[in-house]
């Protein structure tokens, strides 16, 4: 489930980045999710090598834990992206807000 969730997040962020006209650092978000997807893919391949066919027979509780972990990874990626966006301030909105005060 973690692999599936991060691949969907990577695909959605890549589509948003490709269709975006502004410089909101969506490419950074897409790269973070593609990196996480690659990490989960390697993890799944290694686990399949170790377990064999048992890899596909997960208990519902394990699938729920994996889904929760995948959602936490996506949320953490968004938080990191927001921090990068605020620090880099590509459109100058934070600087303008701080200068007006």
C-alpha atoms as a PDB file:
ATOM      1  CA  UNK A   1       0.000   0.000   0.000  1.00  0.00           C
ATOM      2  CA  UNK A   2       2.829   2.413   0.716  1.00  0.00           C
ATOM      3  CA  UNK A   3       4.161   1.920  -2.803  1.00  0.00           C
ATOM      4  CA  UNK A   4       0.734   2.415  -4.356  1.00  0.00           C
ATOM      5  CA  UNK A   5      -0.020   5.576  -2.372  1.00  0.00           C
ATOM      6  CA  UNK A   6       3.338   7.190  -3.085  1.00  0.00           C
ATOM      7  CA  UNK A   7       3.143   6.325  -6.797  1.00  0.00           C
ATOM      8  CA  UNK A   8      -0.267   8.002  -6.993  1.00  0.00           C
ATOM      9  CA  UNK A   9       1.090  11.052  -5.129  1.00  0.00           C
ATOM     10  CA  UNK A  10       4.094  11.158  -7.470  1.00  0.00           C
ATOM     11  CA  UNK A  11       1.907  10.908 -10.570  1.00  0.00           C
ATOM     12  CA  UNK A  12      -0.494  13.607  -9.360  1.00  0.00           C
ATOM     13  CA  UNK A  13       2.304  15.996  -8.368  1.00  0.00           C
ATOM     14  CA  UNK A  14       4.059  15.385 -11.694  1.00  0.00           C
ATOM     15  CA  UNK A  15       0.859  16.191 -13.627  1.00  0.00           C
ATOM     16  CA  UNK A  16       0.363  19.352 -11.542  1.00  0.00           C
ATOM     17  CA  UNK A  17       3.997  20.364 -12.120  1.00  0.00           C
ATOM     18  CA  UNK A  18       3.737  19.754 -15.862  1.00  0.00           C
ATOM     19  CA  UNK A  19       0.540  21.813 -16.201  1.00  0.00           C
ATOM     20  CA  UNK A  20       1.660  24.588 -13.824  1.00  0.00           C
ATOM     21  CA  UNK A  21       2.599  27.988 -15.201  1.00  0.00           C
ATOM     22  CA  UNK A  22       3.975  29.351 -11.911  1.00  0.00           C
ATOM     23  CA  UNK A  23       7.210  28.599 -10.086  1.00  0.00           C
ATOM     24  CA  UNK A  24       5.830  26.943  -6.968  1.00  0.00           C
ATOM     25  CA  UNK A  25       8.563  24.307  -6.756  1.00  0.00           C
ATOM     26  CA  UNK A  26       6.149  21.493  -7.686  1.00  0.00           C
ATOM     27  CA  UNK A  27       9.064  19.714  -9.343  1.00  0.00           C
ATOM     28  CA  UNK A  28      10.689  19.348  -5.926  1.00  0.00           C
ATOM     29  CA  UNK A  29       7.512  17.784  -4.553  1.00  0.00           C
ATOM     30  CA  UNK A  30       7.289  15.413  -7.519  1.00  0.00           C
ATOM     31  CA  UNK A  31      10.931  14.374  -7.098  1.00  0.00           C
ATOM     32  CA  UNK A  32      10.412  13.682  -3.390  1.00  0.00           C
ATOM     33  CA  UNK A  33       7.449  11.428  -4.159  1.00  0.00           C
ATOM     34  CA  UNK A  34       9.252   9.650  -7.007  1.00  0.00           C
ATOM     35  CA  UNK A  35      12.186   9.038  -4.662  1.00  0.00           C
ATOM     36  CA  UNK A  36       9.854   7.608  -2.016  1.00  0.00           C
ATOM     37  CA  UNK A  37       8.203   5.440  -4.680  1.00  0.00           C
ATOM     38  CA  UNK A  38      11.583   4.095  -5.749  1.00  0.00           C
ATOM     39  CA  UNK A  39      12.448   3.355  -2.132  1.00  0.00           C
ATOM     40  CA  UNK A  40       9.182   1.439  -1.583  1.00  0.00           C
ATOM     41  CA  UNK A  41       9.683  -0.427  -4.874  1.00  0.00           C
ATOM     42  CA  UNK A  42      13.113  -1.648  -3.778  1.00  0.00           C
ATOM     43  CA  UNK A  43      11.636  -2.601  -0.408  1.00  0.00           C
ATOM     44  CA  UNK A  44       8.845  -4.586  -2.102  1.00  0.00           C
ATOM     45  CA  UNK A  45      11.270  -6.417  -4.400  1.00  0.00           C
ATOM     46  CA  UNK A  46      13.554  -7.381  -1.503  1.00  0.00           C
ATOM     47  CA  UNK A  47      10.583  -8.498   0.590  1.00  0.00           C
ATOM     48  CA  UNK A  48       9.252 -10.558  -2.329  1.00  0.00           C
ATOM     49  CA  UNK A  49      12.660 -12.220  -2.736  1.00  0.00           C
ATOM     50  CA  UNK A  50      12.653 -13.098   0.969  1.00  0.00           C
ATOM     51  CA  UNK A  51       9.013 -14.240   1.316  1.00  0.00           C
ATOM     52  CA  UNK A  52       8.089 -15.480  -2.133  1.00  0.00           C
ATOM     53  CA  UNK A  53       4.354 -16.010  -2.655  1.00  0.00           C
ATOM     54  CA  UNK A  54       3.601 -15.145   0.991  1.00  0.00           C
ATOM     55  CA  UNK A  55       4.322 -11.526   0.064  1.00  0.00           C
ATOM     56  CA  UNK A  56       0.863 -11.295  -1.542  1.00  0.00           C
ATOM     57  CA  UNK A  57      -0.979 -12.780   1.460  1.00  0.00           C
ATOM     58  CA  UNK A  58      -1.004  -9.866   3.876  1.00  0.00           C
ATOM     59  CA  UNK A  59      -3.338  -9.600   6.829  1.00  0.00           C
ATOM     60  CA  UNK A  60      -5.857  -6.720   6.748  1.00  0.00           C
ATOM     61  CA  UNK A  61      -4.194  -5.134   9.780  1.00  0.00           C
ATOM     62  CA  UNK A  62      -0.836  -5.104   7.976  1.00  0.00           C
ATOM     63  CA  UNK A  63      -2.431  -3.520   4.907  1.00  0.00           C
ATOM     64  CA  UNK A  64      -4.041  -0.853   7.097  1.00  0.00           C
ATOM     65  CA  UNK A  65      -0.692  -0.115   8.758  1.00  0.00           C
ATOM     66  CA  UNK A  66       0.974   0.149   5.340  1.00  0.00           C
ATOM     67  CA  UNK A  67      -1.762   2.503   4.121  1.00  0.00           C
ATOM     68  CA  UNK A  68      -1.333   4.662   7.218  1.00  0.00           C
ATOM     69  CA  UNK A  69       2.431   4.762   6.667  1.00  0.00           C
ATOM     70  CA  UNK A  70       1.906   5.726   3.009  1.00  0.00           C
ATOM     71  CA  UNK A  71      -0.415   8.580   3.975  1.00  0.00           C
ATOM     72  CA  UNK A  72       2.083   9.755   6.598  1.00  0.00           C
ATOM     73  CA  UNK A  73       4.842   9.788   3.962  1.00  0.00           C
ATOM     74  CA  UNK A  74       2.643  11.858   1.629  1.00  0.00           C
ATOM     75  CA  UNK A  75       1.775  14.277   4.449  1.00  0.00           C
ATOM     76  CA  UNK A  76       5.437  14.626   5.440  1.00  0.00           C
ATOM     77  CA  UNK A  77       6.332  15.325   1.810  1.00  0.00           C
ATOM     78  CA  UNK A  78       3.748  18.119   1.695  1.00  0.00           C
ATOM     79  CA  UNK A  79       5.068  19.618   4.943  1.00  0.00           C
ATOM     80  CA  UNK A  80       8.666  19.562   3.661  1.00  0.00           C
ATOM     81  CA  UNK A  81       7.516  21.087   0.355  1.00  0.00           C
ATOM     82  CA  UNK A  82       5.650  23.876   2.199  1.00  0.00           C
ATOM     83  CA  UNK A  83       8.736  24.686   4.279  1.00  0.00           C
ATOM     84  CA  UNK A  84      10.848  24.835   1.107  1.00  0.00           C
ATOM     85  CA  UNK A  85       8.210  27.019  -0.530  1.00  0.00           C
ATOM     86  CA  UNK A  86       8.121  29.450   2.401  1.00  0.00           C
ATOM     87  CA  UNK A  87      11.927  29.639   2.683  1.00  0.00           C
ATOM     88  CA  UNK A  88      12.582  30.064  -1.062  1.00  0.00           C
ATOM     89  CA  UNK A  89       9.540  32.346  -1.554  1.00  0.00           C
ATOM     90  CA  UNK A  90       9.563  32.133  -5.396  1.00  0.00           C
ATOM     91  CA  UNK A  91       6.765  34.667  -5.915  1.00  0.00           C
ATOM     92  CA  UNK A  92       7.912  37.085  -3.182  1.00  0.00           C
ATOM     93  CA  UNK A  93       4.643  36.943  -1.218  1.00  0.00           C
ATOM     94  CA  UNK A  94       6.218  36.213   2.163  1.00  0.00           C
ATOM     95  CA  UNK A  95       8.777  39.003   1.667  1.00  0.00           C
ATOM     96  CA  UNK A  96       6.032  41.444   0.689  1.00  0.00           C
ATOM     97  CA  UNK A  97       3.934  40.461   3.697  1.00  0.00           C
ATOM     98  CA  UNK A  98       6.868  40.917   6.073  1.00  0.00           C
ATOM     99  CA  UNK A  99       7.811  44.262   4.477  1.00  0.00           C
ATOM    100  CA  UNK A 100       4.281  45.619   4.877  1.00  0.00           C
ATOM    101  CA  UNK A 101       4.311  45.119   8.640  1.00  0.00           C
END
